[in-house]
Amino acid sequence: MSDKKPPRSDRDPGDPGFWRRPLPNRVVWLIIALAAVVLAAGIVVSLSLGVRLF
């Protein structure tokens, strides 16, 4: 018996799939801004706790 699934017909054959599509520019900048906020918060918290970073 073969356990192969039939190909999905609800997707365009030229569609690269969700993980292969480029992200919109706004989403990329949102990720960068979120990472910057997390990094800044980590630095502020570590300095307030007296942790030497460098």
Protein backbone atom coordinates (compact mmCIF):
# COMPACT_ATOMS: atom_id res chain seq x y z
CA MET A 1 0.00 0.00 0.00
CA SER A 2 1.22 3.45 -0.77
CA ASP A 3 0.65 6.16 1.81
CA LYS A 4 1.24 8.96 -0.69
CA LYS A 5 -1.24 11.80 -0.47
CA PRO A 6 -2.78 13.05 -3.69
CA PRO A 7 -1.48 16.44 -4.79
CA ARG A 8 -3.44 19.36 -3.42
CA SER A 9 -5.54 20.93 -6.14
CA ASP A 10 -6.55 24.06 -4.19
CA ARG A 11 -3.15 25.68 -4.78
CA ASP A 12 -1.82 27.21 -7.95
CA PRO A 13 1.07 25.09 -9.32
CA GLY A 14 3.18 28.25 -9.62
CA ASP A 15 2.58 29.21 -5.99
CA PRO A 16 5.81 28.61 -4.03
CA GLY A 17 3.95 27.96 -0.78
CA PHE A 18 3.69 29.92 2.44
CA TRP A 19 7.28 29.44 3.67
CA ARG A 20 8.81 30.36 0.31
CA ARG A 21 6.90 33.62 -0.25
CA PRO A 22 8.76 36.86 0.48
CA LEU A 23 7.40 38.82 3.43
CA PRO A 24 5.84 42.22 2.82
CA ASN A 25 8.13 45.17 3.52
CA ARG A 26 5.97 46.35 6.44
CA VAL A 27 6.23 42.96 8.15
CA VAL A 28 10.02 42.95 7.79
CA TRP A 29 10.29 46.40 9.42
CA LEU A 30 7.89 45.31 12.16
CA ILE A 31 10.11 42.31 12.96
CA ILE A 32 13.22 44.52 13.00
CA ALA A 33 11.52 47.07 15.28
CA LEU A 34 10.29 44.34 17.62
CA ALA A 35 13.78 42.84 17.83
CA ALA A 36 15.23 46.30 18.60
CA VAL A 37 12.68 46.85 21.38
CA VAL A 38 13.44 43.45 22.91
CA LEU A 39 17.19 44.12 22.70
CA ALA A 40 16.84 47.57 24.27
CA ALA A 41 14.63 46.20 27.04
CA GLY A 42 17.17 43.46 27.73
CA ILE A 43 19.98 45.99 27.99
CA VAL A 44 17.97 48.25 30.31
CA VAL A 45 16.96 45.36 32.56
CA SER A 46 20.47 43.92 32.72
CA LEU A 47 21.96 47.32 33.52
CA SER A 48 19.37 47.96 36.21
CA LEU A 49 20.20 44.60 37.78
CA GLY A 50 23.89 45.47 37.72
CA VAL A 51 24.92 42.87 35.15
CA ARG A 52 28.07 43.82 33.26
CA LEU A 53 27.54 43.22 29.56
CA PHE A 54 30.96 44.23 28.24
